[in-house]
Amino acid sequence: MSKAHESGATFAVSPLLGSGGRGAPYADAVDVAASAALSWRGHDDGASPTTALALQIVVQDDADADTLVGAIEARGATRID
């Protein structure tokens, strides 16, 4: 995310890494993704960003998307559609 922001990108896309492959617990992947996304949102590299950076996390289906959105909202973020 930091590299995308530094390059002037306005969005970044990532699959939900570790979401069930090789027996990894899906809930753990959701928790990590939600925490990491919100942690970066509060990142301060000393520079004033001139553009917002949107993050799109790719999931398998609507139920997975709802689970991820719920985890992000549970951490205090608001939903933007």
N, C-alpha and C. Protein backbone atom coordinates (compact mmCIF):
# COMPACT_ATOMS: atom_id res chain seq x y z
N MET A 1 0.82 -1.18 0.00
CA MET A 1 0.00 0.00 0.00
C MET A 1 0.87 1.25 0.00
N SER A 2 1.93 1.23 0.77
CA SER A 2 2.79 2.40 0.81
C SER A 2 3.42 2.67 -0.54
N LYS A 3 3.87 1.62 -1.21
CA LYS A 3 4.48 1.80 -2.55
C LYS A 3 3.46 2.32 -3.54
N ALA A 4 2.23 1.82 -3.47
CA ALA A 4 1.18 2.31 -4.37
C ALA A 4 0.92 3.78 -4.11
N HIS A 5 0.86 4.16 -2.85
CA HIS A 5 0.62 5.56 -2.50
C HIS A 5 1.76 6.45 -2.98
N GLU A 6 2.99 5.99 -2.74
CA GLU A 6 4.17 6.77 -3.14
C GLU A 6 4.22 6.98 -4.65
N SER A 7 3.71 6.01 -5.41
CA SER A 7 3.77 6.11 -6.87
C SER A 7 2.66 6.99 -7.43
N GLY A 8 1.74 7.43 -6.57
CA GLY A 8 0.66 8.28 -7.03
C GLY A 8 -0.57 7.51 -7.47
N ALA A 9 -0.59 6.20 -7.23
CA ALA A 9 -1.76 5.40 -7.60
C ALA A 9 -2.98 5.86 -6.81
N THR A 10 -4.14 5.68 -7.40
CA THR A 10 -5.38 6.04 -6.71
C THR A 10 -6.11 4.81 -6.19
N PHE A 11 -5.67 3.62 -6.63
CA PHE A 11 -6.27 2.40 -6.10
C PHE A 11 -5.28 1.25 -6.17
N ALA A 12 -5.52 0.26 -5.33
CA ALA A 12 -4.72 -0.97 -5.31
C ALA A 12 -5.68 -2.14 -5.19
N VAL A 13 -5.32 -3.26 -5.81
CA VAL A 13 -6.15 -4.45 -5.79
C VAL A 13 -5.32 -5.61 -5.28
N SER A 14 -5.93 -6.43 -4.40
CA SER A 14 -5.24 -7.59 -3.86
C SER A 14 -6.25 -8.70 -3.61
N PRO A 15 -5.87 -9.95 -3.88
CA PRO A 15 -6.75 -11.04 -3.46
C PRO A 15 -6.70 -11.15 -1.94
N LEU A 16 -7.70 -11.79 -1.37
CA LEU A 16 -7.69 -12.04 0.07
C LEU A 16 -6.72 -13.18 0.30
N LEU A 17 -5.48 -12.83 0.58
CA LEU A 17 -4.40 -13.82 0.71
C LEU A 17 -4.62 -14.73 1.91
N GLY A 18 -4.33 -16.00 1.73
CA GLY A 18 -4.43 -16.96 2.82
C GLY A 18 -5.85 -17.31 3.19
N SER A 19 -6.78 -17.16 2.25
CA SER A 19 -8.19 -17.36 2.59
C SER A 19 -8.67 -18.77 2.25
N GLY A 20 -8.14 -19.72 2.97
CA GLY A 20 -8.63 -21.09 2.83
C GLY A 20 -7.69 -22.04 2.11
N GLY A 21 -6.71 -21.51 1.42
CA GLY A 21 -5.77 -22.37 0.72
C GLY A 21 -4.94 -23.20 1.70
N ARG A 22 -4.76 -24.45 1.37
CA ARG A 22 -3.96 -25.36 2.18
C ARG A 22 -4.44 -25.44 3.62
N GLY A 23 -5.74 -25.29 3.81
CA GLY A 23 -6.32 -25.44 5.14
C GLY A 23 -6.24 -24.22 6.04
N ALA A 24 -5.79 -23.09 5.49
CA ALA A 24 -5.72 -21.88 6.30
C ALA A 24 -7.13 -21.43 6.68
N PRO A 25 -7.34 -21.06 7.92
CA PRO A 25 -8.68 -20.62 8.35
C PRO A 25 -9.08 -19.30 7.68
N TYR A 26 -10.24 -19.30 7.04
CA TYR A 26 -10.74 -18.11 6.35
C TYR A 26 -10.88 -16.94 7.31
N ALA A 27 -11.39 -17.20 8.49
CA ALA A 27 -11.60 -16.12 9.47
C ALA A 27 -10.29 -15.42 9.81
N ASP A 28 -9.20 -16.17 9.86
CA ASP A 28 -7.89 -15.56 10.13
C ASP A 28 -7.48 -14.62 9.00
N ALA A 29 -7.71 -15.05 7.75
CA ALA A 29 -7.37 -14.20 6.60
C ALA A 29 -8.17 -12.91 6.62
N VAL A 30 -9.44 -13.01 6.97
CA VAL A 30 -10.30 -11.82 7.05
C VAL A 30 -9.79 -10.88 8.13
N ASP A 31 -9.46 -11.42 9.30
CA ASP A 31 -8.96 -10.58 10.39
C ASP A 31 -7.66 -9.88 10.02
N VAL A 32 -6.75 -10.60 9.39
CA VAL A 32 -5.47 -10.01 8.98
C VAL A 32 -5.69 -8.92 7.94
N ALA A 33 -6.52 -9.20 6.94
CA ALA A 33 -6.78 -8.20 5.88
C ALA A 33 -7.44 -6.95 6.44
N ALA A 34 -8.42 -7.12 7.29
CA ALA A 34 -9.12 -5.97 7.88
C ALA A 34 -8.16 -5.13 8.72
N SER A 35 -7.40 -5.80 9.55
CA SER A 35 -6.44 -5.08 10.41
C SER A 35 -5.37 -4.37 9.60
N ALA A 36 -4.84 -5.06 8.58
CA ALA A 36 -3.78 -4.47 7.75
C ALA A 36 -4.29 -3.26 6.97
N ALA A 37 -5.47 -3.38 6.39
CA ALA A 37 -6.02 -2.27 5.62
C ALA A 37 -6.25 -1.04 6.50
N LEU A 38 -6.80 -1.27 7.68
CA LEU A 38 -7.06 -0.14 8.56
C LEU A 38 -5.79 0.38 9.22
N SER A 39 -4.82 -0.48 9.42
CA SER A 39 -3.54 -0.05 9.96
C SER A 39 -2.85 0.88 8.97
N TRP A 40 -2.90 0.52 7.69
CA TRP A 40 -2.27 1.37 6.68
C TRP A 40 -2.99 2.70 6.58
N ARG A 41 -4.32 2.67 6.73
CA ARG A 41 -5.10 3.91 6.64
C ARG A 41 -4.58 4.95 7.63
N GLY A 42 -4.12 4.49 8.79
CA GLY A 42 -3.61 5.40 9.81
C GLY A 42 -2.12 5.65 9.67
N HIS A 43 -1.51 5.09 8.63
CA HIS A 43 -0.07 5.23 8.42
C HIS A 43 0.30 6.68 8.15
N ASP A 44 1.34 7.14 8.78
CA ASP A 44 1.81 8.50 8.57
C ASP A 44 3.27 8.43 8.17
N ASP A 45 3.53 8.70 6.90
CA ASP A 45 4.91 8.66 6.43
C ASP A 45 5.55 10.04 6.43
N GLY A 46 4.87 11.00 7.04
CA GLY A 46 5.41 12.34 7.12
C GLY A 46 5.01 13.22 5.95
N ALA A 47 4.45 12.62 4.93
CA ALA A 47 4.04 13.38 3.75
C ALA A 47 2.54 13.60 3.79
N SER A 48 2.10 14.68 3.23
CA SER A 48 0.67 14.92 3.13
C SER A 48 0.20 14.35 1.80
N PRO A 49 -0.63 13.30 1.84
CA PRO A 49 -1.08 12.72 0.58
C PRO A 49 -1.92 13.71 -0.20
N THR A 50 -1.72 13.72 -1.51
CA THR A 50 -2.50 14.61 -2.36
C THR A 50 -3.68 13.88 -2.97
N THR A 51 -3.67 12.55 -2.92
CA THR A 51 -4.78 11.77 -3.44
C THR A 51 -5.11 10.66 -2.45
N ALA A 52 -6.36 10.27 -2.45
CA ALA A 52 -6.79 9.15 -1.63
C ALA A 52 -6.41 7.85 -2.34
N LEU A 53 -6.19 6.81 -1.58
CA LEU A 53 -5.87 5.51 -2.15
C LEU A 53 -6.95 4.54 -1.73
N ALA A 54 -7.66 3.97 -2.71
CA ALA A 54 -8.70 2.99 -2.44
C ALA A 54 -8.09 1.59 -2.55
N LEU A 55 -8.50 0.71 -1.67
CA LEU A 55 -8.04 -0.68 -1.69
C LEU A 55 -9.21 -1.58 -2.02
N GLN A 56 -9.05 -2.40 -3.04
CA GLN A 56 -10.06 -3.39 -3.38
C GLN A 56 -9.49 -4.76 -3.06
N ILE A 57 -10.17 -5.50 -2.19
CA ILE A 57 -9.74 -6.84 -1.82
C ILE A 57 -10.67 -7.82 -2.52
N VAL A 58 -10.10 -8.69 -3.33
CA VAL A 58 -10.88 -9.63 -4.13
C VAL A 58 -11.19 -10.88 -3.31
N VAL A 59 -12.48 -11.25 -3.26
CA VAL A 59 -12.93 -12.44 -2.54
C VAL A 59 -13.74 -13.33 -3.50
N GLN A 60 -14.09 -14.53 -3.04
CA GLN A 60 -14.76 -15.51 -3.89
C GLN A 60 -16.23 -15.18 -4.20
N ASP A 61 -16.98 -14.66 -3.23
CA ASP A 61 -18.41 -14.46 -3.45
C ASP A 61 -18.95 -13.38 -2.51
N ASP A 62 -20.24 -13.11 -2.64
CA ASP A 62 -20.88 -12.05 -1.85
C ASP A 62 -20.82 -12.32 -0.36
N ALA A 63 -20.96 -13.58 0.03
CA ALA A 63 -20.91 -13.91 1.46
C ALA A 63 -19.54 -13.59 2.03
N ASP A 64 -18.48 -13.91 1.28
CA ASP A 64 -17.12 -13.58 1.73
C ASP A 64 -16.94 -12.07 1.80
N ALA A 65 -17.48 -11.36 0.82
CA ALA A 65 -17.38 -9.90 0.83
C ALA A 65 -18.08 -9.32 2.07
N ASP A 66 -19.27 -9.84 2.38
CA ASP A 66 -19.99 -9.36 3.56
C ASP A 66 -19.21 -9.63 4.84
N THR A 67 -18.56 -10.79 4.91
CA THR A 67 -17.76 -11.13 6.09
C THR A 67 -16.59 -10.15 6.24
N LEU A 68 -15.92 -9.85 5.13
CA LEU A 68 -14.78 -8.92 5.18
C LEU A 68 -15.25 -7.51 5.53
N VAL A 69 -16.32 -7.06 4.92
CA VAL A 69 -16.86 -5.73 5.23
C VAL A 69 -17.24 -5.65 6.71
N GLY A 70 -17.86 -6.70 7.22
CA GLY A 70 -18.23 -6.73 8.64
C GLY A 70 -17.02 -6.61 9.54
N ALA A 71 -15.93 -7.30 9.18
CA ALA A 71 -14.71 -7.24 9.99
C ALA A 71 -14.09 -5.84 9.95
N ILE A 72 -14.15 -5.20 8.80
CA ILE A 72 -13.61 -3.84 8.68
C ILE A 72 -14.48 -2.85 9.47
N GLU A 73 -15.80 -2.98 9.32
CA GLU A 73 -16.70 -2.08 10.04
C GLU A 73 -16.61 -2.29 11.55
N ALA A 74 -16.38 -3.53 11.97
CA ALA A 74 -16.24 -3.82 13.40
C ALA A 74 -15.03 -3.11 14.01
N ARG A 75 -14.09 -2.76 13.18
CA ARG A 75 -12.90 -2.05 13.63
C ARG A 75 -13.06 -0.53 13.52
N GLY A 76 -14.27 -0.08 13.19
CA GLY A 76 -14.55 1.35 13.22
C GLY A 76 -14.55 2.07 11.89
N ALA A 77 -14.34 1.36 10.80
CA ALA A 77 -14.36 2.02 9.49
C ALA A 77 -15.80 2.14 8.99
N THR A 78 -16.03 3.09 8.13
CA THR A 78 -17.35 3.26 7.54
C THR A 78 -17.33 2.72 6.13
N ARG A 79 -18.49 2.30 5.69
CA ARG A 79 -18.63 1.68 4.37
C ARG A 79 -18.80 2.73 3.30
N ILE A 80 -18.09 2.53 2.21
CA ILE A 80 -18.22 3.40 1.04
C ILE A 80 -18.58 2.50 -0.13
N ASP A 81 -19.74 2.71 -0.73
CA ASP A 81 -20.17 1.88 -1.85
C ASP A 81 -19.88 2.56 -3.16
